[in-house]
N, C-alpha and C. Protein backbone atom coordinates (compact mmCIF):
# COMPACT_ATOMS: atom_id res chain seq x y z
N UNK A 1 0.84 -1.19 0.00
CA UNK A 1 0.00 0.00 0.00
C UNK A 1 0.88 1.25 0.00
N UNK A 2 1.97 1.18 0.77
CA UNK A 2 2.86 2.34 0.84
C UNK A 2 3.46 2.64 -0.53
N UNK A 3 3.84 1.60 -1.27
CA UNK A 3 4.42 1.78 -2.60
C UNK A 3 3.43 2.42 -3.55
N UNK A 4 2.18 2.00 -3.48
CA UNK A 4 1.13 2.56 -4.34
C UNK A 4 0.96 4.05 -4.04
N UNK A 5 0.97 4.40 -2.75
CA UNK A 5 0.82 5.80 -2.37
C UNK A 5 2.02 6.64 -2.85
N UNK A 6 3.23 6.07 -2.77
CA UNK A 6 4.41 6.79 -3.26
C UNK A 6 4.31 7.06 -4.75
N UNK A 7 3.84 6.06 -5.49
CA UNK A 7 3.67 6.22 -6.95
C UNK A 7 2.60 7.27 -7.24
N UNK A 8 1.47 7.18 -6.55
CA UNK A 8 0.37 8.12 -6.76
C UNK A 8 0.79 9.55 -6.45
N UNK A 9 1.63 9.72 -5.45
CA UNK A 9 2.09 11.06 -5.06
C UNK A 9 3.28 11.54 -5.90
N UNK A 10 3.81 10.65 -6.79
CA UNK A 10 4.95 11.02 -7.61
C UNK A 10 6.25 11.05 -6.84
N UNK A 11 6.32 10.34 -5.72
CA UNK A 11 7.51 10.35 -4.87
C UNK A 11 8.25 9.02 -4.88
N UNK A 12 7.85 8.09 -5.73
CA UNK A 12 8.50 6.78 -5.78
C UNK A 12 9.91 6.94 -6.36
N UNK A 13 10.90 6.22 -5.80
CA UNK A 13 12.26 6.33 -6.34
C UNK A 13 12.34 5.72 -7.75
N UNK A 14 13.14 6.32 -8.60
CA UNK A 14 13.34 5.82 -9.96
C UNK A 14 14.79 5.39 -10.09
N UNK A 15 14.98 4.08 -10.24
CA UNK A 15 16.32 3.53 -10.35
C UNK A 15 16.48 2.95 -11.75
N UNK A 16 17.38 3.51 -12.57
CA UNK A 16 17.56 2.96 -13.93
C UNK A 16 18.15 1.55 -13.85
N UNK A 17 17.66 0.70 -14.74
CA UNK A 17 18.15 -0.68 -14.79
C UNK A 17 19.55 -0.69 -15.39
N UNK A 18 20.51 -1.38 -14.75
CA UNK A 18 21.87 -1.42 -15.30
C UNK A 18 21.91 -2.25 -16.60
N UNK A 19 22.78 -1.86 -17.52
CA UNK A 19 22.91 -2.59 -18.78
C UNK A 19 23.71 -3.87 -18.60
N UNK A 20 24.54 -3.91 -17.58
CA UNK A 20 25.37 -5.08 -17.32
C UNK A 20 24.47 -6.26 -16.97
N UNK A 21 24.70 -7.37 -17.66
CA UNK A 21 23.92 -8.57 -17.41
C UNK A 21 22.62 -8.65 -18.19
N UNK A 22 22.28 -7.60 -18.93
CA UNK A 22 21.05 -7.61 -19.70
C UNK A 22 21.18 -8.60 -20.84
N UNK A 23 20.10 -9.32 -21.14
CA UNK A 23 20.13 -10.32 -22.21
C UNK A 23 19.18 -9.99 -23.34
N UNK A 24 18.40 -8.95 -23.19
CA UNK A 24 17.43 -8.61 -24.21
C UNK A 24 18.13 -8.08 -25.46
N UNK A 25 17.74 -8.63 -26.61
CA UNK A 25 18.23 -8.11 -27.88
C UNK A 25 17.12 -7.27 -28.50
N UNK A 26 17.48 -6.16 -29.06
CA UNK A 26 16.48 -5.29 -29.68
C UNK A 26 15.81 -5.95 -30.87
N UNK A 27 14.73 -5.37 -31.29
CA UNK A 27 13.98 -5.87 -32.44
C UNK A 27 14.85 -5.77 -33.69
N UNK A 28 14.92 -6.85 -34.45
CA UNK A 28 15.68 -6.85 -35.69
C UNK A 28 14.94 -6.03 -36.74
N UNK A 29 15.67 -5.32 -37.52
CA UNK A 29 15.09 -4.51 -38.59
C UNK A 29 15.46 -5.10 -39.94
N UNK A 30 14.58 -4.90 -40.90
CA UNK A 30 14.76 -5.47 -42.24
C UNK A 30 16.08 -5.03 -42.86
N UNK A 31 16.47 -3.77 -42.69
CA UNK A 31 17.70 -3.28 -43.31
C UNK A 31 18.94 -3.98 -42.76
N UNK A 32 18.84 -4.59 -41.59
CA UNK A 32 19.98 -5.30 -41.00
C UNK A 32 19.99 -6.79 -41.31
N UNK A 33 19.01 -7.27 -42.08
CA UNK A 33 18.87 -8.70 -42.34
C UNK A 33 19.35 -9.11 -43.73
N UNK A 34 20.08 -8.23 -44.43
CA UNK A 34 20.59 -8.58 -45.75
C UNK A 34 21.61 -9.71 -45.63
N UNK A 35 21.56 -10.65 -46.55
CA UNK A 35 22.46 -11.81 -46.52
C UNK A 35 23.84 -11.41 -47.01
N UNK A 36 24.85 -11.73 -46.23
CA UNK A 36 26.24 -11.54 -46.63
C UNK A 36 26.70 -12.87 -47.22
N UNK A 37 27.07 -12.86 -48.50
CA UNK A 37 27.32 -14.12 -49.22
C UNK A 37 28.70 -14.71 -48.97
N UNK A 38 29.62 -13.98 -48.39
CA UNK A 38 30.97 -14.51 -48.17
C UNK A 38 31.03 -15.27 -46.83
N UNK A 39 30.25 -16.36 -46.77
CA UNK A 39 30.17 -17.18 -45.56
C UNK A 39 29.99 -18.65 -45.96
N UNK A 40 30.33 -19.56 -45.05
CA UNK A 40 30.06 -20.97 -45.33
C UNK A 40 28.55 -21.25 -45.32
N UNK A 41 28.16 -22.37 -45.90
CA UNK A 41 26.75 -22.74 -46.02
C UNK A 41 26.05 -22.78 -44.67
N UNK A 42 26.69 -23.30 -43.64
CA UNK A 42 26.06 -23.40 -42.32
C UNK A 42 25.73 -22.01 -41.79
N UNK A 43 26.60 -21.03 -42.01
CA UNK A 43 26.34 -19.66 -41.55
C UNK A 43 25.19 -19.04 -42.34
N UNK A 44 25.13 -19.30 -43.66
CA UNK A 44 24.02 -18.79 -44.47
C UNK A 44 22.69 -19.36 -43.97
N UNK A 45 22.68 -20.67 -43.72
CA UNK A 45 21.48 -21.34 -43.23
C UNK A 45 21.05 -20.75 -41.88
N UNK A 46 21.99 -20.57 -40.98
CA UNK A 46 21.66 -20.02 -39.66
C UNK A 46 21.14 -18.58 -39.77
N UNK A 47 21.70 -17.80 -40.69
CA UNK A 47 21.26 -16.43 -40.90
C UNK A 47 19.81 -16.40 -41.40
N UNK A 48 19.53 -17.24 -42.40
CA UNK A 48 18.18 -17.28 -42.97
C UNK A 48 17.19 -17.80 -41.93
N UNK A 49 17.56 -18.89 -41.28
CA UNK A 49 16.68 -19.48 -40.27
C UNK A 49 16.48 -18.54 -39.09
N UNK A 50 17.51 -17.83 -38.70
CA UNK A 50 17.43 -16.90 -37.57
C UNK A 50 16.55 -15.70 -37.84
N UNK A 51 16.36 -15.35 -39.10
CA UNK A 51 15.52 -14.20 -39.45
C UNK A 51 14.16 -14.63 -39.98
N UNK A 52 13.89 -15.91 -39.94
CA UNK A 52 12.62 -16.47 -40.41
C UNK A 52 11.61 -16.31 -39.30
N UNK A 53 10.65 -15.79 -39.42
CA UNK A 53 9.72 -15.08 -40.24
C UNK A 53 9.96 -13.58 -40.21
N UNK A 54 10.30 -13.03 -39.08
CA UNK A 54 10.47 -11.59 -38.99
C UNK A 54 11.92 -11.29 -38.66
N UNK A 55 12.60 -10.44 -39.33
CA UNK A 55 12.15 -9.63 -40.45
C UNK A 55 12.32 -10.32 -41.80
N UNK A 56 13.00 -11.46 -41.83
CA UNK A 56 13.24 -12.17 -43.09
C UNK A 56 14.58 -11.81 -43.68
N UNK A 57 15.42 -12.81 -43.92
CA UNK A 57 16.73 -12.58 -44.56
C UNK A 57 16.50 -12.33 -46.04
N UNK A 58 17.17 -11.32 -46.58
CA UNK A 58 16.89 -10.94 -47.97
C UNK A 58 18.17 -10.70 -48.76
N UNK A 59 17.96 -10.70 -50.08
CA UNK A 59 19.03 -10.39 -51.02
C UNK A 59 18.39 -9.75 -52.25
N UNK A 60 19.22 -9.38 -53.20
CA UNK A 60 18.71 -8.78 -54.43
C UNK A 60 18.88 -9.75 -55.58
N UNK A 61 17.78 -10.01 -56.27
CA UNK A 61 17.78 -10.88 -57.45
C UNK A 61 17.10 -10.11 -58.57
N UNK A 62 17.81 -9.91 -59.66
CA UNK A 62 17.24 -9.19 -60.80
C UNK A 62 16.78 -7.79 -60.44
N UNK A 63 17.51 -7.10 -59.55
CA UNK A 63 17.16 -5.74 -59.17
C UNK A 63 16.01 -5.64 -58.18
N UNK A 64 15.50 -6.77 -57.72
CA UNK A 64 14.37 -6.78 -56.80
C UNK A 64 14.77 -7.44 -55.48
N UNK A 65 14.29 -6.89 -54.37
CA UNK A 65 14.55 -7.47 -53.06
C UNK A 65 13.70 -8.73 -52.92
N UNK A 66 14.38 -9.84 -52.60
CA UNK A 66 13.69 -11.12 -52.41
C UNK A 66 14.08 -11.65 -51.03
N UNK A 67 13.07 -12.04 -50.26
CA UNK A 67 13.28 -12.55 -48.91
C UNK A 67 13.20 -14.07 -48.93
N UNK A 68 14.14 -14.71 -48.22
CA UNK A 68 14.23 -16.17 -48.19
C UNK A 68 13.60 -16.71 -46.91
N UNK A 69 12.83 -17.79 -47.04
CA UNK A 69 12.22 -18.45 -45.89
C UNK A 69 12.37 -19.97 -46.02
N UNK A 70 12.50 -20.63 -44.89
CA UNK A 70 12.50 -22.10 -44.86
C UNK A 70 13.77 -22.71 -45.42
N UNK A 71 14.90 -22.46 -44.78
CA UNK A 71 16.15 -23.03 -45.28
C UNK A 71 16.50 -24.31 -44.54
N UNK A 72 17.29 -25.14 -45.20
CA UNK A 72 17.85 -26.34 -44.58
C UNK A 72 19.18 -26.63 -45.27
N UNK A 73 20.09 -27.24 -44.52
CA UNK A 73 21.36 -27.63 -45.13
C UNK A 73 21.09 -28.74 -46.13
N UNK A 74 21.78 -28.72 -47.24
CA UNK A 74 21.54 -29.67 -48.32
C UNK A 74 22.81 -30.47 -48.54
N UNK A 75 22.80 -31.71 -48.09
CA UNK A 75 23.99 -32.55 -48.14
C UNK A 75 23.79 -33.67 -49.16
N UNK A 76 23.96 -33.34 -50.42
CA UNK A 76 23.82 -34.30 -51.51
C UNK A 76 24.64 -33.77 -52.68
N UNK A 77 24.58 -34.47 -53.79
CA UNK A 77 25.30 -33.97 -54.96
C UNK A 77 24.53 -32.78 -55.53
N UNK A 78 25.23 -31.96 -56.29
CA UNK A 78 24.60 -30.76 -56.86
C UNK A 78 23.46 -31.20 -57.77
N UNK A 79 22.23 -30.74 -57.49
CA UNK A 79 21.08 -31.16 -58.29
C UNK A 79 21.00 -30.41 -59.61
N UNK A 80 20.21 -30.96 -60.51
CA UNK A 80 19.97 -30.28 -61.79
C UNK A 80 18.98 -29.16 -61.53
N UNK A 81 19.19 -28.04 -62.19
CA UNK A 81 18.27 -26.92 -62.02
C UNK A 81 18.64 -25.77 -62.93
N UNK A 82 17.81 -24.75 -62.91
CA UNK A 82 18.02 -23.57 -63.74
C UNK A 82 18.78 -22.54 -62.91
N UNK A 83 19.87 -22.01 -63.48
CA UNK A 83 20.70 -21.05 -62.75
C UNK A 83 19.97 -19.73 -62.52
N UNK A 84 20.23 -19.16 -61.34
CA UNK A 84 19.64 -17.89 -60.95
C UNK A 84 20.74 -17.00 -60.39
N UNK A 85 21.02 -15.88 -61.09
CA UNK A 85 22.06 -14.96 -60.64
C UNK A 85 21.57 -14.20 -59.41
N UNK A 86 22.39 -14.22 -58.35
CA UNK A 86 22.07 -13.55 -57.10
C UNK A 86 23.16 -12.52 -56.83
N UNK A 87 22.76 -11.27 -56.63
CA UNK A 87 23.71 -10.18 -56.41
C UNK A 87 24.59 -10.48 -55.18
N UNK A 88 25.91 -10.44 -55.40
CA UNK A 88 26.86 -10.64 -54.31
C UNK A 88 27.29 -12.07 -54.10
N UNK A 89 26.55 -13.02 -54.64
CA UNK A 89 26.91 -14.43 -54.48
C UNK A 89 28.03 -14.78 -55.47
N UNK A 90 28.98 -15.57 -55.01
CA UNK A 90 30.10 -15.94 -55.86
C UNK A 90 29.70 -16.96 -56.91
N UNK A 91 28.58 -17.61 -56.69
CA UNK A 91 28.10 -18.64 -57.60
C UNK A 91 26.58 -18.52 -57.71
N UNK A 92 26.03 -18.67 -58.91
CA UNK A 92 24.57 -18.53 -59.04
C UNK A 92 23.84 -19.64 -58.28
N UNK A 93 22.63 -19.33 -57.84
CA UNK A 93 21.79 -20.34 -57.21
C UNK A 93 21.19 -21.24 -58.28
N UNK A 94 20.57 -22.32 -57.85
CA UNK A 94 19.91 -23.24 -58.76
C UNK A 94 18.46 -23.41 -58.35
N UNK A 95 17.54 -23.11 -59.25
CA UNK A 95 16.13 -23.34 -58.99
C UNK A 95 15.86 -24.79 -59.39
N UNK A 96 15.55 -25.62 -58.40
CA UNK A 96 15.32 -27.04 -58.62
C UNK A 96 13.87 -27.39 -58.29
N UNK A 97 13.51 -28.64 -58.47
CA UNK A 97 12.13 -29.06 -58.16
C UNK A 97 11.83 -28.99 -56.67
N UNK A 98 12.87 -28.96 -55.83
CA UNK A 98 12.69 -28.91 -54.37
C UNK A 98 12.79 -27.50 -53.80
N UNK A 99 13.32 -26.55 -54.56
CA UNK A 99 13.49 -25.19 -54.07
C UNK A 99 14.72 -24.55 -54.68
N UNK A 100 15.19 -23.50 -54.04
CA UNK A 100 16.37 -22.77 -54.50
C UNK A 100 17.60 -23.26 -53.74
N UNK A 101 18.58 -23.77 -54.46
CA UNK A 101 19.83 -24.21 -53.85
C UNK A 101 20.83 -23.07 -53.96
N UNK A 102 21.36 -22.64 -52.80
CA UNK A 102 22.38 -21.60 -52.78
C UNK A 102 23.67 -22.19 -52.23
N UNK A 103 24.78 -21.54 -52.54
CA UNK A 103 26.09 -22.09 -52.18
C UNK A 103 26.83 -21.16 -51.24
N UNK A 104 27.44 -21.77 -50.21
CA UNK A 104 28.31 -21.02 -49.32
C UNK A 104 29.68 -20.90 -49.94
N UNK A 105 30.57 -20.10 -49.33
CA UNK A 105 31.91 -19.95 -49.86
C UNK A 105 32.76 -21.21 -49.65
N UNK A 106 32.21 -22.18 -48.92
CA UNK A 106 32.89 -23.46 -48.72
C UNK A 106 32.44 -24.51 -49.74
N UNK A 107 31.56 -24.12 -50.68
CA UNK A 107 31.08 -25.03 -51.71
C UNK A 107 29.91 -25.89 -51.28
N UNK A 108 29.55 -25.83 -50.01
CA UNK A 108 28.41 -26.61 -49.51
C UNK A 108 27.12 -25.86 -49.84
N UNK A 109 25.99 -26.58 -49.72
CA UNK A 109 24.73 -26.03 -50.21
C UNK A 109 23.68 -25.86 -49.12
N UNK A 110 22.75 -24.93 -49.39
CA UNK A 110 21.59 -24.67 -48.55
C UNK A 110 20.38 -24.68 -49.47
N UNK A 111 19.29 -25.32 -49.03
CA UNK A 111 18.06 -25.36 -49.79
C UNK A 111 17.07 -24.38 -49.18
N UNK A 112 16.57 -23.46 -49.98
CA UNK A 112 15.57 -22.48 -49.54
C UNK A 112 14.24 -22.86 -50.18
N UNK A 113 13.21 -22.98 -49.38
CA UNK A 113 11.92 -23.47 -49.88
C UNK A 113 10.95 -22.39 -50.36
N UNK A 114 10.98 -21.20 -49.75
CA UNK A 114 10.01 -20.15 -50.10
C UNK A 114 10.70 -18.81 -50.33
N UNK A 115 10.13 -18.04 -51.26
CA UNK A 115 10.64 -16.71 -51.58
C UNK A 115 9.49 -15.72 -51.49
N UNK A 116 9.79 -14.52 -50.99
CA UNK A 116 8.79 -13.47 -50.96
C UNK A 116 9.33 -12.25 -51.67
N UNK A 117 8.51 -11.67 -52.54
CA UNK A 117 8.91 -10.51 -53.32
C UNK A 117 8.51 -9.22 -52.60
N UNK A 118 9.00 -8.09 -53.10
CA UNK A 118 8.74 -6.79 -52.48
C UNK A 118 7.25 -6.47 -52.37
N UNK A 119 6.46 -6.98 -53.31
CA UNK A 119 5.02 -6.69 -53.29
C UNK A 119 4.26 -7.55 -52.29
N UNK A 120 4.99 -8.42 -51.57
CA UNK A 120 4.36 -9.27 -50.56
C UNK A 120 3.99 -10.66 -51.06
N UNK A 121 4.09 -10.88 -52.36
CA UNK A 121 3.73 -12.17 -52.93
C UNK A 121 4.78 -13.22 -52.54
N UNK A 122 4.30 -14.35 -51.98
CA UNK A 122 5.19 -15.44 -51.60
C UNK A 122 4.92 -16.63 -52.50
N UNK A 123 6.02 -17.25 -52.96
CA UNK A 123 5.90 -18.42 -53.83
C UNK A 123 6.86 -19.51 -53.34
N UNK A 124 6.59 -20.76 -53.72
CA UNK A 124 7.59 -21.79 -53.48
C UNK A 124 8.81 -21.46 -54.35
N UNK A 125 10.00 -21.60 -53.81
CA UNK A 125 11.22 -21.25 -54.56
C UNK A 125 11.34 -22.08 -55.84
N UNK A 126 10.80 -23.28 -55.84
CA UNK A 126 10.87 -24.13 -57.03
C UNK A 126 10.08 -23.55 -58.20
N UNK A 127 9.18 -22.62 -57.93
CA UNK A 127 8.34 -22.01 -58.97
C UNK A 127 8.85 -20.63 -59.39
N UNK A 128 10.09 -20.29 -59.07
CA UNK A 128 10.61 -18.95 -59.35
C UNK A 128 10.43 -18.57 -60.82
N UNK A 129 10.82 -19.42 -61.73
CA UNK A 129 10.77 -19.06 -63.14
C UNK A 129 9.36 -19.19 -63.72
N UNK A 130 8.44 -19.79 -63.00
CA UNK A 130 7.07 -19.88 -63.49
C UNK A 130 6.14 -18.99 -62.67
N UNK A 131 6.71 -18.04 -61.91
CA UNK A 131 5.92 -17.17 -61.03
C UNK A 131 4.96 -16.28 -61.80
N UNK A 132 5.29 -15.96 -63.05
CA UNK A 132 4.42 -15.07 -63.83
C UNK A 132 3.23 -15.79 -64.44
N UNK A 133 3.27 -17.11 -64.45
CA UNK A 133 2.16 -17.86 -65.04
C UNK A 133 0.98 -17.81 -64.09
N UNK A 134 -0.20 -17.58 -64.65
CA UNK A 134 -1.40 -17.58 -63.83
C UNK A 134 -2.35 -18.64 -64.37
N UNK A 135 -3.09 -19.24 -63.47
CA UNK A 135 -4.06 -20.24 -63.87
C UNK A 135 -5.43 -19.76 -63.44
N UNK A 136 -6.40 -19.99 -64.28
CA UNK A 136 -7.76 -19.57 -63.97
C UNK A 136 -8.43 -20.64 -63.12
N UNK A 137 -9.23 -20.21 -62.16
CA UNK A 137 -9.95 -21.13 -61.29
C UNK A 137 -11.20 -21.57 -62.02
N UNK A 138 -11.37 -22.87 -62.15
CA UNK A 138 -12.55 -23.41 -62.81
C UNK A 138 -13.38 -24.16 -61.79
N UNK A 139 -14.66 -23.76 -61.68
CA UNK A 139 -15.56 -24.38 -60.72
C UNK A 139 -16.38 -25.48 -61.38
N UNK A 140 -16.70 -26.52 -60.61
CA UNK A 140 -17.60 -27.56 -61.10
C UNK A 140 -19.02 -27.00 -61.03
N UNK A 141 -19.97 -27.72 -61.62
CA UNK A 141 -21.36 -27.26 -61.60
C UNK A 141 -21.88 -27.15 -60.17
N UNK A 142 -21.50 -28.10 -59.34
CA UNK A 142 -21.93 -28.08 -57.93
C UNK A 142 -21.34 -26.86 -57.21
N UNK A 143 -20.07 -26.54 -57.48
CA UNK A 143 -19.44 -25.39 -56.87
C UNK A 143 -20.05 -24.08 -57.38
N UNK A 144 -20.42 -24.05 -58.67
CA UNK A 144 -21.07 -22.86 -59.21
C UNK A 144 -22.41 -22.62 -58.53
N UNK A 145 -23.17 -23.70 -58.31
CA UNK A 145 -24.46 -23.59 -57.63
C UNK A 145 -24.25 -23.08 -56.21
N UNK A 146 -23.26 -23.64 -55.52
CA UNK A 146 -22.97 -23.22 -54.15
C UNK A 146 -22.57 -21.75 -54.10
N UNK A 147 -21.77 -21.31 -55.07
CA UNK A 147 -21.35 -19.92 -55.12
C UNK A 147 -22.55 -19.01 -55.34
N UNK A 148 -23.47 -19.45 -56.18
CA UNK A 148 -24.68 -18.68 -56.45
C UNK A 148 -25.55 -18.59 -55.21
N UNK A 149 -25.68 -19.73 -54.48
CA UNK A 149 -26.47 -19.74 -53.24
C UNK A 149 -25.86 -18.80 -52.20
N UNK A 150 -24.55 -18.78 -52.11
CA UNK A 150 -23.88 -17.93 -51.15
C UNK A 150 -24.08 -16.46 -51.52
N UNK A 151 -23.99 -16.18 -52.85
CA UNK A 151 -24.18 -14.82 -53.32
C UNK A 151 -25.57 -14.35 -52.99
């Protein structure tokens, strides 16, 4: 009760918290999450995974900021895929049926499963080169009736 009265009267002591021993890390910002490509694959994976979901590790591909999500270390032979030039990377990535394979400076690989573009659109990394293709939604007769009933 005494403490409440001190606060209400504006007489409570104010002791700043010491910085020594503090463990809180500030909120990560998008501008600080850019991928530095001169690292081994394990460090790239940890960077991407550590920034997954917010703020998202990003790089520039074709002049556009692209954010990487869902990485895993890829320990197999180099898969077949379509090359993708990535700004700052010493070696182009590979768009494969499983996702985007990127290379660390140690020659080892990381598989990235999802990509998000500046406009907010997220796609599976394996669909990077087919991202512009659109498919029309076709409803069955039963679905058309249901849509009409809902309308």
